Protein backbone atom coordinates (compact mmCIF):
# COMPACT_ATOMS: atom_id res chain seq x y z
CA MET A 1 12.45 -3.99 -12.04
CA ILE A 2 15.29 -6.56 -11.69
CA TRP A 3 14.52 -10.00 -9.28
CA SER A 4 16.63 -11.82 -7.30
CA ARG A 5 18.00 -14.64 -8.76
CA ARG A 6 18.17 -16.91 -5.65
CA ARG A 7 16.44 -20.18 -5.44
CA ARG A 8 12.46 -19.43 -4.57
CA GLY A 9 11.68 -21.04 -1.61
CA PRO A 10 10.76 -20.52 2.50
CA ALA A 11 14.18 -19.62 2.99
CA ALA A 12 15.05 -17.64 -0.56
CA PRO A 13 11.61 -15.87 -1.62
CA GLY A 14 12.96 -14.25 -4.35
CA LEU A 15 12.33 -10.29 -3.23
CA PRO A 16 11.68 -7.72 -5.90
CA LEU A 17 14.62 -5.56 -6.03
CA PRO A 18 13.32 -1.87 -7.19
CA GLY A 19 16.37 -0.31 -6.29
CA GLY A 20 16.43 3.61 -4.95
CA CYS A 21 14.19 6.27 -6.43
CA GLY A 22 13.48 8.02 -9.06
CA GLU A 23 10.81 8.77 -11.83
CA ARG A 24 8.09 9.15 -9.29
CA ARG A 25 8.97 5.69 -8.20
CA HIS A 26 9.86 5.17 -4.84
CA THR A 27 11.25 1.94 -2.57
CA LEU A 28 11.11 1.55 1.16
CA ARG A 29 12.13 -0.92 3.68
CA THR A 30 10.74 -1.96 7.37
CA GLU A 31 11.84 -5.20 9.84
CA ARG A 32 8.98 -7.04 7.51
CA LEU A 33 7.72 -5.82 4.26
CA LEU A 34 9.44 -4.53 1.09
CA LEU A 35 7.20 -1.63 -0.66
CA TYR A 36 7.97 -0.59 -3.90
CA THR A 37 5.81 2.29 -6.17
CA PRO A 38 3.90 -0.49 -8.53
CA ARG A 39 6.35 -2.08 -11.68
CA THR A 40 3.05 -3.58 -13.52
CA GLN A 41 -0.43 -3.57 -13.66
CA LEU A 42 -0.10 -6.81 -11.97
CA ASP A 43 1.00 -5.50 -8.64
CA LEU A 44 -2.32 -3.25 -8.89
CA VAL A 45 -4.62 -6.38 -9.26
CA VAL A 46 -2.63 -8.64 -6.57
CA CYS A 47 -2.76 -4.80 -4.66
CA ARG A 48 -7.03 -4.38 -5.31
CA ALA A 49 -7.22 -8.69 -4.41
CA ALA A 50 -5.41 -8.36 -1.38
CA GLY A 51 -8.49 -5.54 0.18
CA ALA A 52 -11.47 -7.47 -1.57
CA ASP A 53 -12.75 -9.40 0.55
CA PRO A 54 -16.05 -8.90 2.65
CA GLU A 55 -13.83 -8.22 5.83
CA ALA A 56 -11.69 -5.80 4.76
CA GLN A 57 -14.61 -4.40 2.83
CA ARG A 58 -16.61 -3.88 5.91
CA TRP A 59 -13.93 -1.27 6.53
CA LEU A 60 -13.34 -0.18 3.57
CA GLY A 61 -16.26 0.41 1.50
CA TRP A 62 -14.74 0.80 -1.98
CA ASP A 63 -17.33 1.36 -5.36
CA ASP A 64 -16.06 -0.98 -6.90
CA VAL A 65 -14.48 -4.19 -6.39
CA GLY A 66 -14.30 -5.23 -9.60
CA VAL A 67 -13.34 -9.03 -10.73
CA THR A 68 -11.72 -9.69 -7.83
CA ALA A 69 -14.94 -10.15 -5.48
CA ASP A 70 -14.90 -13.74 -7.09
CA GLU A 71 -13.89 -15.45 -3.83
CA GLY A 72 -11.92 -18.13 -6.46
CA VAL A 73 -10.19 -15.48 -8.58
CA ARG A 74 -9.46 -13.16 -5.27
CA ASP A 75 -7.79 -16.57 -3.54
CA ALA A 76 -4.99 -17.43 -6.54
CA LEU A 77 -3.80 -13.11 -6.51
CA VAL A 78 -3.31 -13.43 -3.12
CA ARG A 79 -1.59 -16.17 -3.12
CA LEU A 80 1.02 -14.98 -5.59
CA ARG A 81 4.37 -13.62 -5.21
CA PRO A 82 5.78 -11.39 -7.64
CA ALA A 83 8.43 -13.63 -9.02
CA ASP A 84 6.06 -16.53 -9.52
CA ALA A 85 4.16 -14.91 -11.95
CA GLY A 86 6.48 -14.54 -14.53
CA VAL A 87 7.18 -18.05 -14.16
CA ARG A 88 4.27 -19.84 -14.02
CA PRO A 89 1.00 -17.58 -14.69
CA PRO A 90 -2.07 -19.31 -12.22
CA LEU A 91 -4.90 -17.58 -13.96
CA PRO A 92 -5.46 -16.55 -17.71
CA GLY A 93 -4.10 -13.39 -18.42
CA ILE A 94 -0.90 -12.89 -15.49
CA ALA A 95 1.50 -12.93 -18.44
CA ARG A 96 -0.51 -10.10 -20.37
CA LEU A 97 -1.12 -8.15 -16.83
CA LEU A 98 2.97 -8.83 -16.24
CA ALA A 99 3.92 -7.28 -19.96
CA ARG A 100 1.87 -3.80 -18.68
CA PRO A 101 3.81 -1.37 -16.31
CA PHE A 102 2.23 1.34 -14.30
CA GLU A 103 3.57 4.56 -15.56
CA PRO A 104 2.78 6.92 -11.89
CA ALA A 105 1.03 9.96 -12.84
CA PRO A 106 0.85 13.63 -11.48
CA GLY A 107 -2.02 14.16 -9.59
CA GLN A 108 -2.43 10.76 -8.82
CA ALA A 109 -2.33 9.35 -4.97
CA HIS A 110 1.09 8.09 -4.26
CA VAL A 111 1.03 3.90 -4.25
CA LEU A 112 2.77 1.46 -2.48
CA VAL A 113 2.34 -2.02 -3.19
CA ALA A 114 3.94 -4.66 0.57
CA VAL A 115 5.50 -7.42 -0.10
CA ARG A 116 6.61 -10.14 2.64
CA ARG A 117 10.26 -10.37 3.43
CA ASP A 118 10.36 -13.91 4.53
CA ASP A 119 8.44 -15.73 1.97
CA GLY A 120 8.39 -12.97 -1.00
CA ARG A 121 4.38 -12.52 -1.18
CA TYR A 122 1.66 -9.65 -2.23
CA ALA A 123 0.68 -9.13 1.60
CA GLY A 124 -0.54 -5.71 1.04
CA CYS A 125 -0.93 -1.50 -0.17
CA THR A 126 -0.86 1.84 1.31
CA GLU A 127 -1.02 4.89 -0.88
CA LEU A 128 -1.00 8.66 -0.16
CA ALA A 129 -3.16 11.43 -1.97
CA PRO A 130 -0.75 14.23 -2.97
CA ASP A 131 -3.52 17.46 -2.61
CA THR A 132 -4.34 15.93 1.30
CA GLY A 133 -1.82 14.17 3.27
CA GLU A 134 -4.26 11.49 3.95
CA ILE A 135 -3.00 8.14 3.96
CA GLY A 136 -5.07 4.82 3.63
CA GLY A 137 -4.19 1.10 3.54
CA TRP A 138 -4.91 -2.73 4.15
CA LEU A 139 -3.43 -5.97 4.01
CA ALA A 140 -3.97 -9.65 2.51
CA PRO A 141 -5.71 -12.01 4.63
CA HIS A 142 -2.50 -14.06 4.98
CA ALA A 143 -1.02 -11.03 6.15
CA ARG A 144 -2.92 -10.09 9.27
CA GLY A 145 -2.77 -10.13 12.50
CA LEU A 146 0.65 -10.45 12.79
CA GLY A 147 1.39 -6.90 13.67
CA LEU A 148 2.74 -5.71 9.91
CA GLY A 149 -0.18 -2.59 9.78
CA THR A 150 2.22 -1.15 11.91
CA GLU A 151 5.17 -1.73 9.65
CA LEU A 152 2.74 -0.45 6.43
CA PHE A 153 1.44 2.82 8.03
CA ARG A 154 5.04 3.34 9.47
CA ALA A 155 5.84 2.95 6.48
CA ALA A 156 3.62 5.66 4.46
CA ALA A 157 4.31 8.36 7.03
CA LEU A 158 8.07 7.72 6.24
CA LEU A 159 6.70 8.09 2.04
CA GLY A 160 5.22 11.78 3.39
CA HIS A 161 8.37 12.94 5.49
CA ASP A 162 11.50 11.48 3.70
CA HIS A 163 10.50 10.61 0.77
CA LEU A 164 7.44 13.48 -0.73
CA GLY A 165 8.65 16.61 1.93
CA ARG A 166 5.11 16.55 3.78
CA ASP A 167 5.65 17.96 7.44
CA ASP A 168 2.90 15.56 8.84
CA VAL A 169 0.59 12.89 7.14
CA ARG A 170 -3.37 12.41 8.18
CA ALA A 171 -5.74 9.38 8.45
CA GLY A 172 -9.01 8.37 9.10
CA TYR A 173 -10.55 5.59 11.17
CA GLU A 174 -14.31 4.33 11.98
CA PRO A 175 -14.26 4.27 15.74
CA ALA A 176 -15.12 0.06 16.10
CA ASN A 177 -12.66 -0.51 13.70
CA THR A 178 -9.63 -1.06 17.27
CA ALA A 179 -7.50 -3.82 14.37
CA SER A 180 -6.65 0.30 12.23
CA GLU A 181 -6.06 2.48 15.58
CA ARG A 182 -3.79 -0.03 16.92
CA ALA A 183 -1.51 -0.31 14.01
CA LEU A 184 -1.55 3.76 13.68
CA ARG A 185 -0.66 4.80 16.96
CA GLY A 186 1.60 1.89 16.52
CA ALA A 187 3.30 3.91 13.86
CA GLY A 188 3.10 7.58 15.57
CA PHE A 189 0.44 8.39 14.44
CA VAL A 190 -1.89 10.46 17.45
CA THR A 191 -4.84 12.66 17.72
CA ALA A 192 -5.81 14.83 15.42
CA ASP A 193 -9.25 17.06 14.31
CA GLY A 194 -11.55 16.56 11.36
CA PRO A 195 -14.73 15.75 9.81
CA PRO A 196 -16.99 13.56 12.56
CA ARG A 197 -18.81 12.03 9.58
CA HIS A 198 -17.13 10.49 6.55
CA ARG A 199 -18.65 8.86 2.96
CA LEU A 200 -16.61 5.30 1.93
CA GLY A 201 -16.59 4.94 -2.00
CA ASN A 202 -20.04 2.56 -1.55
CA GLY A 203 -21.95 5.96 0.00
CA ARG A 204 -22.08 4.81 3.70
CA VAL A 205 -21.33 7.48 6.10
CA ILE A 206 -19.87 6.29 8.95
CA ASP A 207 -18.53 8.10 11.87
CA ALA A 208 -14.83 9.14 11.27
CA ARG A 209 -11.96 9.48 14.13
CA TRP A 210 -8.33 11.17 13.01
CA LEU A 211 -5.17 10.86 13.36
CA ARG A 212 -2.04 12.60 12.30
CA HIS A 213 1.63 11.90 11.95
CA ALA A 214 4.47 14.57 12.47
CA SER A 215 7.00 14.72 11.19
CA PRO A 216 9.87 14.15 14.28
CA THR A 217 13.09 15.70 12.12
CA PRO A 218 12.70 18.19 8.91
CA PRO A 219 11.02 17.02 5.98
CA ARG A 220 13.02 15.69 3.22
CA ARG A 221 12.44 14.77 -1.02
CA CYS A 222 13.86 11.99 -2.91
CA SER A 223 14.51 11.84 -6.19
CA GLY A 224 11.43 10.17 -6.78
CA ALA A 225 9.70 13.54 -5.61
CA PRO A 226 7.67 14.88 -7.97
CA PRO A 227 8.22 19.18 -8.31
CA ALA A 228 7.74 21.00 -5.24
CA ALA A 229 4.81 23.77 -5.85
CA THR A 230 6.22 27.09 -6.62
CA ALA A 231 3.79 29.93 -5.42
CA PRO A 232 2.22 32.18 -8.47
């Protein structure tokens, strides 16, 4: 990871410059977000914290929120900017996490860290399951209510189409979660068939609605995509 050497501040947040795609790593940009495959374990921990608050967990329903269930730890993490973490670690253990690289593994979900381009803070995360093409995503509290969900899901669709070579990607949502539906439809997702019930990680069974996003152009694979499966 290469960091901008510009002076950090509201006008120059020290955005990461992760470069192009390669070795199962991807980089995307939207109007207000920079998204990239995690480079360190800190990237993953902060992204986990971004969706660990009670408001987000009402919809996400993770089976294990972990240490980020602690409000103080969670709030300190989601205030971070990636470039700040290596300069002045705000919590014990941050330097250790920063030093531990993240290595994408075959078969795991493709994860993209989202960073706000205006102030350089971690904004959230999106992920795509390689076997089903299903996407998920969440935003940190400071990034909600700004229309960034639409950009996040648009990036997830682009990851599937223009980086992983998928004809379409799918997303499920709970009918009461109108913010997610609005963001997905704003990103170009349309109604699709799918199972009417879904079990979250914590065991809660919810009503489910499904949407899909089809590639408007022939899908392609970038240099960071895993090799295409071949028939036996």
